[in-house]
mmCIF file of all heavy atoms, coordinates in Angstrom:
data_MODEL
# 
_entry.id   MODEL 
# 
loop_
_atom_site.group_PDB 
_atom_site.id 
_atom_site.type_symbol 
_atom_site.label_atom_id 
_atom_site.label_alt_id 
_atom_site.label_comp_id 
_atom_site.label_asym_id 
_atom_site.label_entity_id 
_atom_site.label_seq_id 
_atom_site.pdbx_PDB_ins_code 
_atom_site.Cartn_x 
_atom_site.Cartn_y 
_atom_site.Cartn_z 
_atom_site.occupancy 
_atom_site.B_iso_or_equiv 
_atom_site.pdbx_formal_charge 
_atom_site.auth_seq_id 
_atom_site.auth_comp_id 
_atom_site.auth_asym_id 
_atom_site.auth_atom_id 
_atom_site.pdbx_PDB_model_num 
ATOM 1   N N   . LYS A 1 1  ? 20.596 10.884  -37.208 1.00 0.00 ? 1  LYS A N   1 
ATOM 2   C CA  . LYS A 1 1  ? 20.132 11.099  -35.869 1.00 0.00 ? 1  LYS A CA  1 
ATOM 3   C C   . LYS A 1 1  ? 19.479 9.889   -35.259 1.00 0.00 ? 1  LYS A C   1 
ATOM 4   O O   . LYS A 1 1  ? 19.313 9.812   -34.020 1.00 0.00 ? 1  LYS A O   1 
ATOM 5   C CB  . LYS A 1 1  ? 19.063 12.238  -35.793 1.00 0.00 ? 1  LYS A CB  1 
ATOM 6   C CG  . LYS A 1 1  ? 19.671 13.666  -36.032 1.00 0.00 ? 1  LYS A CG  1 
ATOM 7   C CD  . LYS A 1 1  ? 18.655 14.737  -35.731 1.00 0.00 ? 1  LYS A CD  1 
ATOM 8   C CE  . LYS A 1 1  ? 19.246 16.086  -35.866 1.00 0.00 ? 1  LYS A CE  1 
ATOM 9   N NZ  . LYS A 1 1  ? 18.247 17.177  -35.620 1.00 0.00 ? 1  LYS A NZ  1 
ATOM 10  N N   . GLY A 1 2  ? 18.984 8.918   -36.029 1.00 0.00 ? 2  GLY A N   1 
ATOM 11  C CA  . GLY A 1 2  ? 18.344 7.786   -35.465 1.00 0.00 ? 2  GLY A CA  1 
ATOM 12  C C   . GLY A 1 2  ? 19.172 6.716   -34.789 1.00 0.00 ? 2  GLY A C   1 
ATOM 13  O O   . GLY A 1 2  ? 20.362 6.941   -34.662 1.00 0.00 ? 2  GLY A O   1 
ATOM 14  N N   . GLY A 1 3  ? 18.605 5.661   -34.416 1.00 0.00 ? 3  GLY A N   1 
ATOM 15  C CA  . GLY A 1 3  ? 19.320 4.645   -33.653 1.00 0.00 ? 3  GLY A CA  1 
ATOM 16  C C   . GLY A 1 3  ? 18.379 3.664   -32.964 1.00 0.00 ? 3  GLY A C   1 
ATOM 17  O O   . GLY A 1 3  ? 17.232 3.383   -33.387 1.00 0.00 ? 3  GLY A O   1 
ATOM 18  N N   . VAL A 1 4  ? 18.803 3.253   -31.774 1.00 0.00 ? 4  VAL A N   1 
ATOM 19  C CA  . VAL A 1 4  ? 17.968 2.290   -30.998 1.00 0.00 ? 4  VAL A CA  1 
ATOM 20  C C   . VAL A 1 4  ? 17.612 2.843   -29.675 1.00 0.00 ? 4  VAL A C   1 
ATOM 21  O O   . VAL A 1 4  ? 18.293 3.716   -29.011 1.00 0.00 ? 4  VAL A O   1 
ATOM 22  C CB  . VAL A 1 4  ? 18.698 0.985   -30.762 1.00 0.00 ? 4  VAL A CB  1 
ATOM 23  C CG1 . VAL A 1 4  ? 19.006 0.239   -32.074 1.00 0.00 ? 4  VAL A CG1 1 
ATOM 24  C CG2 . VAL A 1 4  ? 19.948 1.177   -29.936 1.00 0.00 ? 4  VAL A CG2 1 
ATOM 25  N N   . THR A 1 5  ? 16.362 2.638   -29.292 1.00 0.00 ? 5  THR A N   1 
ATOM 26  C CA  . THR A 1 5  ? 15.759 3.061   -27.963 1.00 0.00 ? 5  THR A CA  1 
ATOM 27  C C   . THR A 1 5  ? 15.326 1.819   -27.241 1.00 0.00 ? 5  THR A C   1 
ATOM 28  O O   . THR A 1 5  ? 14.661 0.927   -27.853 1.00 0.00 ? 5  THR A O   1 
ATOM 29  C CB  . THR A 1 5  ? 14.649 3.978   -28.205 1.00 0.00 ? 5  THR A CB  1 
ATOM 30  O OG1 . THR A 1 5  ? 15.101 5.259   -28.801 1.00 0.00 ? 5  THR A OG1 1 
ATOM 31  C CG2 . THR A 1 5  ? 13.993 4.374   -26.873 1.00 0.00 ? 5  THR A CG2 1 
ATOM 32  N N   . VAL A 1 6  ? 15.600 1.772   -25.934 1.00 0.00 ? 6  VAL A N   1 
ATOM 33  C CA  . VAL A 1 6  ? 14.886 0.772   -25.143 1.00 0.00 ? 6  VAL A CA  1 
ATOM 34  C C   . VAL A 1 6  ? 13.951 1.402   -24.204 1.00 0.00 ? 6  VAL A C   1 
ATOM 35  O O   . VAL A 1 6  ? 14.253 2.501   -23.548 1.00 0.00 ? 6  VAL A O   1 
ATOM 36  C CB  . VAL A 1 6  ? 15.891 -0.115  -24.298 1.00 0.00 ? 6  VAL A CB  1 
ATOM 37  C CG1 . VAL A 1 6  ? 16.696 -1.107  -25.109 1.00 0.00 ? 6  VAL A CG1 1 
ATOM 38  C CG2 . VAL A 1 6  ? 16.847 0.740   -23.485 1.00 0.00 ? 6  VAL A CG2 1 
ATOM 39  N N   . SER A 1 7  ? 12.685 0.875   -24.152 1.00 0.00 ? 7  SER A N   1 
ATOM 40  C CA  . SER A 1 7  ? 11.660 1.434   -23.401 1.00 0.00 ? 7  SER A CA  1 
ATOM 41  C C   . SER A 1 7  ? 11.037 0.321   -22.551 1.00 0.00 ? 7  SER A C   1 
ATOM 42  O O   . SER A 1 7  ? 11.632 -0.726  -22.377 1.00 0.00 ? 7  SER A O   1 
ATOM 43  C CB  . SER A 1 7  ? 10.614 2.131   -24.271 1.00 0.00 ? 7  SER A CB  1 
ATOM 44  O OG  . SER A 1 7  ? 9.717  2.748   -23.588 1.00 0.00 ? 7  SER A OG  1 
ATOM 45  N N   . GLY A 1 8  ? 9.808  0.411   -22.111 1.00 0.00 ? 8  GLY A N   1 
ATOM 46  C CA  . GLY A 1 8  ? 9.132  -0.607  -21.307 1.00 0.00 ? 8  GLY A CA  1 
ATOM 47  C C   . GLY A 1 8  ? 7.724  -0.571  -21.319 1.00 0.00 ? 8  GLY A C   1 
ATOM 48  O O   . GLY A 1 8  ? 7.021  0.014   -22.152 1.00 0.00 ? 8  GLY A O   1 
ATOM 49  N N   . GLY A 1 9  ? 7.253  -1.073  -20.211 1.00 0.00 ? 9  GLY A N   1 
ATOM 50  C CA  . GLY A 1 9  ? 7.868  -1.591  -18.973 1.00 0.00 ? 9  GLY A CA  1 
ATOM 51  C C   . GLY A 1 9  ? 9.017  -0.640  -18.463 1.00 0.00 ? 9  GLY A C   1 
ATOM 52  O O   . GLY A 1 9  ? 9.069  0.507   -18.782 1.00 0.00 ? 9  GLY A O   1 
ATOM 53  N N   . GLU A 1 10 ? 9.855  -1.208  -17.647 1.00 0.00 ? 10 GLU A N   1 
ATOM 54  C CA  . GLU A 1 10 ? 11.026 -0.477  -17.109 1.00 0.00 ? 10 GLU A CA  1 
ATOM 55  C C   . GLU A 1 10 ? 12.275 -1.166  -17.480 1.00 0.00 ? 10 GLU A C   1 
ATOM 56  O O   . GLU A 1 10 ? 12.633 -2.199  -16.782 1.00 0.00 ? 10 GLU A O   1 
ATOM 57  C CB  . GLU A 1 10 ? 10.808 -0.316  -15.669 1.00 0.00 ? 10 GLU A CB  1 
ATOM 58  C CG  . GLU A 1 10 ? 11.995 0.371   -14.907 1.00 0.00 ? 10 GLU A CG  1 
ATOM 59  C CD  . GLU A 1 10 ? 12.524 1.611   -15.687 1.00 0.00 ? 10 GLU A CD  1 
ATOM 60  O OE1 . GLU A 1 10 ? 11.770 2.521   -15.850 1.00 0.00 ? 10 GLU A OE1 1 
ATOM 61  O OE2 . GLU A 1 10 ? 13.729 1.526   -16.135 1.00 0.00 ? 10 GLU A OE2 1 
ATOM 62  N N   . PRO A 1 11 ? 13.061 -0.736  -18.476 1.00 0.00 ? 11 PRO A N   1 
ATOM 63  C CA  . PRO A 1 11 ? 14.146 -1.463  -18.830 1.00 0.00 ? 11 PRO A CA  1 
ATOM 64  C C   . PRO A 1 11 ? 15.325 -1.469  -17.872 1.00 0.00 ? 11 PRO A C   1 
ATOM 65  O O   . PRO A 1 11 ? 16.066 -2.498  -17.924 1.00 0.00 ? 11 PRO A O   1 
ATOM 66  C CB  . PRO A 1 11 ? 14.692 -0.540  -20.107 1.00 0.00 ? 11 PRO A CB  1 
ATOM 67  C CG  . PRO A 1 11 ? 13.978 0.744   -20.004 1.00 0.00 ? 11 PRO A CG  1 
ATOM 68  C CD  . PRO A 1 11 ? 12.739 0.435   -19.284 1.00 0.00 ? 11 PRO A CD  1 
ATOM 69  N N   . LEU A 1 12 ? 15.374 -0.655  -16.811 1.00 0.00 ? 12 LEU A N   1 
ATOM 70  C CA  . LEU A 1 12 ? 16.497 -0.725  -15.815 1.00 0.00 ? 12 LEU A CA  1 
ATOM 71  C C   . LEU A 1 12 ? 16.357 -1.966  -14.997 1.00 0.00 ? 12 LEU A C   1 
ATOM 72  O O   . LEU A 1 12 ? 17.311 -2.354  -14.297 1.00 0.00 ? 12 LEU A O   1 
ATOM 73  C CB  . LEU A 1 12 ? 16.517 0.503   -15.014 1.00 0.00 ? 12 LEU A CB  1 
ATOM 74  C CG  . LEU A 1 12 ? 17.128 1.745   -15.704 1.00 0.00 ? 12 LEU A CG  1 
ATOM 75  C CD1 . LEU A 1 12 ? 17.022 3.022   -14.744 1.00 0.00 ? 12 LEU A CD1 1 
ATOM 76  C CD2 . LEU A 1 12 ? 18.499 1.516   -16.158 1.00 0.00 ? 12 LEU A CD2 1 
ATOM 77  N N   . LEU A 1 13 ? 15.211 -2.592  -15.062 1.00 0.00 ? 13 LEU A N   1 
ATOM 78  C CA  . LEU A 1 13 ? 15.069 -3.902  -14.310 1.00 0.00 ? 13 LEU A CA  1 
ATOM 79  C C   . LEU A 1 13 ? 15.847 -5.020  -14.915 1.00 0.00 ? 13 LEU A C   1 
ATOM 80  O O   . LEU A 1 13 ? 16.069 -6.025  -14.311 1.00 0.00 ? 13 LEU A O   1 
ATOM 81  C CB  . LEU A 1 13 ? 13.563 -4.317  -14.198 1.00 0.00 ? 13 LEU A CB  1 
ATOM 82  C CG  . LEU A 1 13 ? 12.693 -3.394  -13.293 1.00 0.00 ? 13 LEU A CG  1 
ATOM 83  C CD1 . LEU A 1 13 ? 11.253 -3.903  -13.418 1.00 0.00 ? 13 LEU A CD1 1 
ATOM 84  C CD2 . LEU A 1 13 ? 13.187 -3.271  -11.950 1.00 0.00 ? 13 LEU A CD2 1 
ATOM 85  N N   . GLN A 1 14 ? 16.273 -4.762  -16.182 1.00 0.00 ? 14 GLN A N   1 
ATOM 86  C CA  . GLN A 1 14 ? 17.158 -5.679  -16.884 1.00 0.00 ? 14 GLN A CA  1 
ATOM 87  C C   . GLN A 1 14 ? 18.496 -4.993  -17.293 1.00 0.00 ? 14 GLN A C   1 
ATOM 88  O O   . GLN A 1 14 ? 18.881 -5.033  -18.445 1.00 0.00 ? 14 GLN A O   1 
ATOM 89  C CB  . GLN A 1 14 ? 16.470 -6.188  -18.183 1.00 0.00 ? 14 GLN A CB  1 
ATOM 90  C CG  . GLN A 1 14 ? 15.131 -6.856  -17.837 1.00 0.00 ? 14 GLN A CG  1 
ATOM 91  C CD  . GLN A 1 14 ? 14.435 -7.460  -19.136 1.00 0.00 ? 14 GLN A CD  1 
ATOM 92  O OE1 . GLN A 1 14 ? 15.031 -8.433  -19.662 1.00 0.00 ? 14 GLN A OE1 1 
ATOM 93  N NE2 . GLN A 1 14 ? 13.290 -7.095  -19.497 1.00 0.00 ? 14 GLN A NE2 1 
ATOM 94  N N   . ILE A 1 15 ? 19.121 -4.445  -16.338 1.00 0.00 ? 15 ILE A N   1 
ATOM 95  C CA  . ILE A 1 15 ? 20.215 -3.566  -16.603 1.00 0.00 ? 15 ILE A CA  1 
ATOM 96  C C   . ILE A 1 15 ? 21.417 -4.294  -17.183 1.00 0.00 ? 15 ILE A C   1 
ATOM 97  O O   . ILE A 1 15 ? 22.234 -3.782  -18.021 1.00 0.00 ? 15 ILE A O   1 
ATOM 98  C CB  . ILE A 1 15 ? 20.645 -2.779  -15.319 1.00 0.00 ? 15 ILE A CB  1 
ATOM 99  C CG1 . ILE A 1 15 ? 21.598 -1.715  -15.630 1.00 0.00 ? 15 ILE A CG1 1 
ATOM 100 C CG2 . ILE A 1 15 ? 21.172 -3.752  -14.213 1.00 0.00 ? 15 ILE A CG2 1 
ATOM 101 C CD1 . ILE A 1 15 ? 21.897 -0.702  -14.561 1.00 0.00 ? 15 ILE A CD1 1 
ATOM 102 N N   . ASP A 1 16 ? 21.716 -5.546  -16.768 1.00 0.00 ? 16 ASP A N   1 
ATOM 103 C CA  . ASP A 1 16 ? 22.785 -6.318  -17.377 1.00 0.00 ? 16 ASP A CA  1 
ATOM 104 C C   . ASP A 1 16 ? 22.625 -6.541  -18.866 1.00 0.00 ? 16 ASP A C   1 
ATOM 105 O O   . ASP A 1 16 ? 23.576 -6.480  -19.655 1.00 0.00 ? 16 ASP A O   1 
ATOM 106 C CB  . ASP A 1 16 ? 22.908 -7.657  -16.650 1.00 0.00 ? 16 ASP A CB  1 
ATOM 107 C CG  . ASP A 1 16 ? 23.456 -7.478  -15.225 1.00 0.00 ? 16 ASP A CG  1 
ATOM 108 O OD1 . ASP A 1 16 ? 24.031 -6.413  -14.872 1.00 0.00 ? 16 ASP A OD1 1 
ATOM 109 O OD2 . ASP A 1 16 ? 23.247 -8.382  -14.422 1.00 0.00 ? 16 ASP A OD2 1 
ATOM 110 N N   . PHE A 1 17 ? 21.411 -6.850  -19.308 1.00 0.00 ? 17 PHE A N   1 
ATOM 111 C CA  . PHE A 1 17 ? 21.064 -6.950  -20.648 1.00 0.00 ? 17 PHE A CA  1 
ATOM 112 C C   . PHE A 1 17 ? 21.282 -5.641  -21.399 1.00 0.00 ? 17 PHE A C   1 
ATOM 113 O O   . PHE A 1 17 ? 21.820 -5.610  -22.515 1.00 0.00 ? 17 PHE A O   1 
ATOM 114 C CB  . PHE A 1 17 ? 19.619 -7.444  -20.830 1.00 0.00 ? 17 PHE A CB  1 
ATOM 115 C CG  . PHE A 1 17 ? 19.201 -7.541  -22.301 1.00 0.00 ? 17 PHE A CG  1 
ATOM 116 C CD1 . PHE A 1 17 ? 19.514 -8.634  -23.032 1.00 0.00 ? 17 PHE A CD1 1 
ATOM 117 C CD2 . PHE A 1 17 ? 18.446 -6.502  -22.823 1.00 0.00 ? 17 PHE A CD2 1 
ATOM 118 C CE1 . PHE A 1 17 ? 19.115 -8.829  -24.374 1.00 0.00 ? 17 PHE A CE1 1 
ATOM 119 C CE2 . PHE A 1 17 ? 18.034 -6.640  -24.210 1.00 0.00 ? 17 PHE A CE2 1 
ATOM 120 C CZ  . PHE A 1 17 ? 18.389 -7.761  -24.947 1.00 0.00 ? 17 PHE A CZ  1 
ATOM 121 N N   . LEU A 1 18 ? 20.846 -4.518  -20.828 1.00 0.00 ? 18 LEU A N   1 
ATOM 122 C CA  . LEU A 1 18 ? 20.965 -3.215  -21.409 1.00 0.00 ? 18 LEU A CA  1 
ATOM 123 C C   . LEU A 1 18 ? 22.397 -2.869  -21.640 1.00 0.00 ? 18 LEU A C   1 
ATOM 124 O O   . LEU A 1 18 ? 22.824 -2.342  -22.737 1.00 0.00 ? 18 LEU A O   1 
ATOM 125 C CB  . LEU A 1 18 ? 20.389 -2.132  -20.545 1.00 0.00 ? 18 LEU A CB  1 
ATOM 126 C CG  . LEU A 1 18 ? 18.862 -2.159  -20.312 1.00 0.00 ? 18 LEU A CG  1 
ATOM 127 C CD1 . LEU A 1 18 ? 18.453 -0.770  -19.709 1.00 0.00 ? 18 LEU A CD1 1 
ATOM 128 C CD2 . LEU A 1 18 ? 18.086 -2.431  -21.520 1.00 0.00 ? 18 LEU A CD2 1 
ATOM 129 N N   . ILE A 1 19 ? 23.348 -3.243  -20.703 1.00 0.00 ? 19 ILE A N   1 
ATOM 130 C CA  . ILE A 1 19 ? 24.714 -2.913  -20.820 1.00 0.00 ? 19 ILE A CA  1 
ATOM 131 C C   . ILE A 1 19 ? 25.316 -3.712  -22.118 1.00 0.00 ? 19 ILE A C   1 
ATOM 132 O O   . ILE A 1 19 ? 26.010 -3.094  -22.893 1.00 0.00 ? 19 ILE A O   1 
ATOM 133 C CB  . ILE A 1 19 ? 25.521 -3.334  -19.603 1.00 0.00 ? 19 ILE A CB  1 
ATOM 134 C CG1 . ILE A 1 19 ? 25.092 -2.408  -18.392 1.00 0.00 ? 19 ILE A CG1 1 
ATOM 135 C CG2 . ILE A 1 19 ? 26.974 -3.345  -19.832 1.00 0.00 ? 19 ILE A CG2 1 
ATOM 136 C CD1 . ILE A 1 19 ? 25.635 -2.879  -17.109 1.00 0.00 ? 19 ILE A CD1 1 
ATOM 137 N N   . GLU A 1 20 ? 24.918 -4.929  -22.177 1.00 0.00 ? 20 GLU A N   1 
ATOM 138 C CA  . GLU A 1 20 ? 25.410 -5.791  -23.285 1.00 0.00 ? 20 GLU A CA  1 
ATOM 139 C C   . GLU A 1 20 ? 24.858 -5.155  -24.635 1.00 0.00 ? 20 GLU A C   1 
ATOM 140 O O   . GLU A 1 20 ? 25.626 -5.006  -25.646 1.00 0.00 ? 20 GLU A O   1 
ATOM 141 C CB  . GLU A 1 20 ? 25.022 -7.143  -23.176 1.00 0.00 ? 20 GLU A CB  1 
ATOM 142 C CG  . GLU A 1 20 ? 25.783 -7.984  -22.148 1.00 0.00 ? 20 GLU A CG  1 
ATOM 143 C CD  . GLU A 1 20 ? 25.539 -9.480  -22.200 1.00 0.00 ? 20 GLU A CD  1 
ATOM 144 O OE1 . GLU A 1 20 ? 25.178 -10.022 -23.267 1.00 0.00 ? 20 GLU A OE1 1 
ATOM 145 O OE2 . GLU A 1 20 ? 25.647 -10.056 -21.087 1.00 0.00 ? 20 GLU A OE2 1 
ATOM 146 N N   . TYR A 1 21 ? 23.605 -4.879  -24.662 1.00 0.00 ? 21 TYR A N   1 
ATOM 147 C CA  . TYR A 1 21 ? 22.951 -4.328  -25.867 1.00 0.00 ? 21 TYR A CA  1 
ATOM 148 C C   . TYR A 1 21 ? 23.506 -3.066  -26.293 1.00 0.00 ? 21 TYR A C   1 
ATOM 149 O O   . TYR A 1 21 ? 23.896 -2.885  -27.485 1.00 0.00 ? 21 TYR A O   1 
ATOM 150 C CB  . TYR A 1 21 ? 21.495 -4.277  -25.640 1.00 0.00 ? 21 TYR A CB  1 
ATOM 151 C CG  . TYR A 1 21 ? 20.669 -3.773  -26.730 1.00 0.00 ? 21 TYR A CG  1 
ATOM 152 C CD1 . TYR A 1 21 ? 20.651 -4.375  -28.015 1.00 0.00 ? 21 TYR A CD1 1 
ATOM 153 C CD2 . TYR A 1 21 ? 19.711 -2.705  -26.617 1.00 0.00 ? 21 TYR A CD2 1 
ATOM 154 C CE1 . TYR A 1 21 ? 19.906 -4.035  -29.004 1.00 0.00 ? 21 TYR A CE1 1 
ATOM 155 C CE2 . TYR A 1 21 ? 18.946 -2.259  -27.689 1.00 0.00 ? 21 TYR A CE2 1 
ATOM 156 C CZ  . TYR A 1 21 ? 18.988 -2.967  -28.979 1.00 0.00 ? 21 TYR A CZ  1 
ATOM 157 O OH  . TYR A 1 21 ? 18.204 -2.568  -29.975 1.00 0.00 ? 21 TYR A OH  1 
ATOM 158 N N   . PHE A 1 22 ? 23.641 -2.112  -25.383 1.00 0.00 ? 22 PHE A N   1 
ATOM 159 C CA  . PHE A 1 22 ? 24.220 -0.746  -25.768 1.00 0.00 ? 22 PHE A CA  1 
ATOM 160 C C   . PHE A 1 22 ? 25.604 -0.817  -26.110 1.00 0.00 ? 22 PHE A C   1 
ATOM 161 O O   . PHE A 1 22 ? 26.175 -0.111  -26.924 1.00 0.00 ? 22 PHE A O   1 
ATOM 162 C CB  . PHE A 1 22 ? 23.977 0.214   -24.602 1.00 0.00 ? 22 PHE A CB  1 
ATOM 163 C CG  . PHE A 1 22 ? 22.533 0.821   -24.653 1.00 0.00 ? 22 PHE A CG  1 
ATOM 164 C CD1 . PHE A 1 22 ? 21.545 0.373   -25.489 1.00 0.00 ? 22 PHE A CD1 1 
ATOM 165 C CD2 . PHE A 1 22 ? 22.264 1.895   -23.749 1.00 0.00 ? 22 PHE A CD2 1 
ATOM 166 C CE1 . PHE A 1 22 ? 20.308 0.955   -25.519 1.00 0.00 ? 22 PHE A CE1 1 
ATOM 167 C CE2 . PHE A 1 22 ? 20.969 2.436   -23.776 1.00 0.00 ? 22 PHE A CE2 1 
ATOM 168 C CZ  . PHE A 1 22 ? 19.978 2.016   -24.633 1.00 0.00 ? 22 PHE A CZ  1 
ATOM 169 N N   . LYS A 1 23 ? 26.374 -1.680  -25.384 1.00 0.00 ? 23 LYS A N   1 
ATOM 170 C CA  . LYS A 1 23 ? 27.830 -1.894  -25.706 1.00 0.00 ? 23 LYS A CA  1 
ATOM 171 C C   . LYS A 1 23 ? 27.998 -2.365  -27.147 1.00 0.00 ? 23 LYS A C   1 
ATOM 172 O O   . LYS A 1 23 ? 28.882 -1.848  -27.956 1.00 0.00 ? 23 LYS A O   1 
ATOM 173 C CB  . LYS A 1 23 ? 28.489 -2.843  -24.745 1.00 0.00 ? 23 LYS A CB  1 
ATOM 174 C CG  . LYS A 1 23 ? 30.012 -2.962  -24.922 1.00 0.00 ? 23 LYS A CG  1 
ATOM 175 C CD  . LYS A 1 23 ? 30.667 -3.834  -23.958 1.00 0.00 ? 23 LYS A CD  1 
ATOM 176 C CE  . LYS A 1 23 ? 32.134 -3.955  -24.116 1.00 0.00 ? 23 LYS A CE  1 
ATOM 177 N NZ  . LYS A 1 23 ? 32.764 -4.914  -23.132 1.00 0.00 ? 23 LYS A NZ  1 
ATOM 178 N N   . LEU A 1 24 ? 27.258 -3.400  -27.486 1.00 0.00 ? 24 LEU A N   1 
ATOM 179 C CA  . LEU A 1 24 ? 27.327 -3.862  -28.927 1.00 0.00 ? 24 LEU A CA  1 
ATOM 180 C C   . LEU A 1 24 ? 26.859 -2.752  -29.974 1.00 0.00 ? 24 LEU A C   1 
ATOM 181 O O   . LEU A 1 24 ? 27.433 -2.593  -31.050 1.00 0.00 ? 24 LEU A O   1 
ATOM 182 C CB  . LEU A 1 24 ? 26.433 -5.085  -29.046 1.00 0.00 ? 24 LEU A CB  1 
ATOM 183 C CG  . LEU A 1 24 ? 26.868 -6.333  -28.401 1.00 0.00 ? 24 LEU A CG  1 
ATOM 184 C CD1 . LEU A 1 24 ? 25.747 -7.459  -28.475 1.00 0.00 ? 24 LEU A CD1 1 
ATOM 185 C CD2 . LEU A 1 24 ? 28.135 -6.884  -29.043 1.00 0.00 ? 24 LEU A CD2 1 
# 
């Protein structure tokens, strides 16, 4: 069930980075 979580701050302010991170 585990994995990675992005939190903040507000992570959507860095949406391009999130896309790359989650895609990988």
